[in-house]
Amino acid sequence: MPARRLEDRIRELCARALYERDPQWSATLIQLQLAIQEHSLRVANACTGSIVVGKPLIIERRQA
């Protein structure tokens, strides 16, 4: 899977999970679980960093 935004990868994996059958479905769910865990860690690290530094976290949204 090419490198791109993690949120885009999660969206794609969710869409794939709807239409795939075993064994691809199981592999897709494993990838989705790992991507969600990575996202959770990133959010936790960003929150921790903003608390330690004392500055609010500014989230920039991508323009579609």
Protein backbone atom coordinates (compact mmCIF):
# COMPACT_ATOMS: atom_id res chain seq x y z
CA MET A 1 0.00 0.00 0.00
CA PRO A 2 1.55 3.35 -1.01
CA ALA A 3 2.40 5.83 1.73
CA ARG A 4 -0.29 8.46 2.25
CA ARG A 5 -2.33 10.00 5.01
CA LEU A 6 -3.29 7.53 7.70
CA GLU A 7 -6.90 8.72 7.73
CA ASP A 8 -7.19 8.05 4.00
CA ARG A 9 -5.79 4.56 4.51
CA ILE A 10 -8.34 3.88 7.26
CA ARG A 11 -11.19 5.04 5.01
CA GLU A 12 -9.98 2.80 2.19
CA LEU A 13 -9.64 -0.21 4.49
CA CYS A 14 -13.17 0.36 5.83
CA ALA A 15 -14.52 0.42 2.29
CA ARG A 16 -12.56 -2.71 1.35
CA ALA A 17 -13.83 -4.56 4.43
CA LEU A 18 -17.41 -4.08 3.24
CA TYR A 19 -16.88 -5.88 -0.07
CA GLU A 20 -14.14 -8.46 0.44
CA ARG A 21 -14.61 -12.11 1.29
CA ASP A 22 -12.42 -14.51 3.28
CA PRO A 23 -9.39 -14.71 3.39
CA GLN A 24 -8.90 -11.16 2.05
CA TRP A 25 -11.52 -9.88 4.49
CA SER A 26 -9.59 -11.18 7.49
CA ALA A 27 -6.35 -9.65 6.25
CA THR A 28 -8.09 -6.32 5.64
CA LEU A 29 -9.52 -6.29 9.16
CA ILE A 30 -6.06 -6.92 10.61
CA GLN A 31 -4.65 -4.02 8.58
CA LEU A 32 -7.57 -1.83 9.67
CA GLN A 33 -7.03 -2.68 13.32
CA LEU A 34 -3.33 -1.81 13.05
CA ALA A 35 -4.10 1.48 11.30
CA ILE A 36 -6.63 2.44 13.99
CA GLN A 37 -4.13 1.60 16.72
CA GLU A 38 -1.50 3.75 14.98
CA HIS A 39 -3.98 6.61 14.74
CA SER A 40 -4.81 6.30 18.45
CA LEU A 41 -1.12 6.42 19.34
CA ARG A 42 -0.59 9.50 17.17
CA VAL A 43 -3.51 11.30 18.82
CA ALA A 44 -2.30 10.33 22.29
CA ASN A 45 1.23 11.54 21.50
CA ALA A 46 -0.07 14.82 20.09
CA CYS A 47 -2.21 15.41 23.18
CA THR A 48 0.65 14.56 25.51
CA GLY A 49 2.95 16.85 23.59
CA SER A 50 0.54 19.74 23.79
CA ILE A 51 0.11 19.25 27.53
CA VAL A 52 3.85 19.02 28.20
CA VAL A 53 4.70 22.02 26.05
CA GLY A 54 1.72 23.94 27.38
CA LYS A 55 0.49 25.07 23.99
CA PRO A 56 -2.80 24.01 22.47
CA LEU A 57 -2.62 21.59 19.59
CA ILE A 58 -3.57 23.21 16.32
CA ILE A 59 -5.03 20.71 13.89
CA GLU A 60 -4.87 21.70 10.26
CA ARG A 61 -7.44 20.05 8.06
CA ARG A 62 -6.58 19.10 4.53
CA GLN A 63 -8.44 21.06 1.89
CA ALA A 64 -10.35 18.72 -0.44
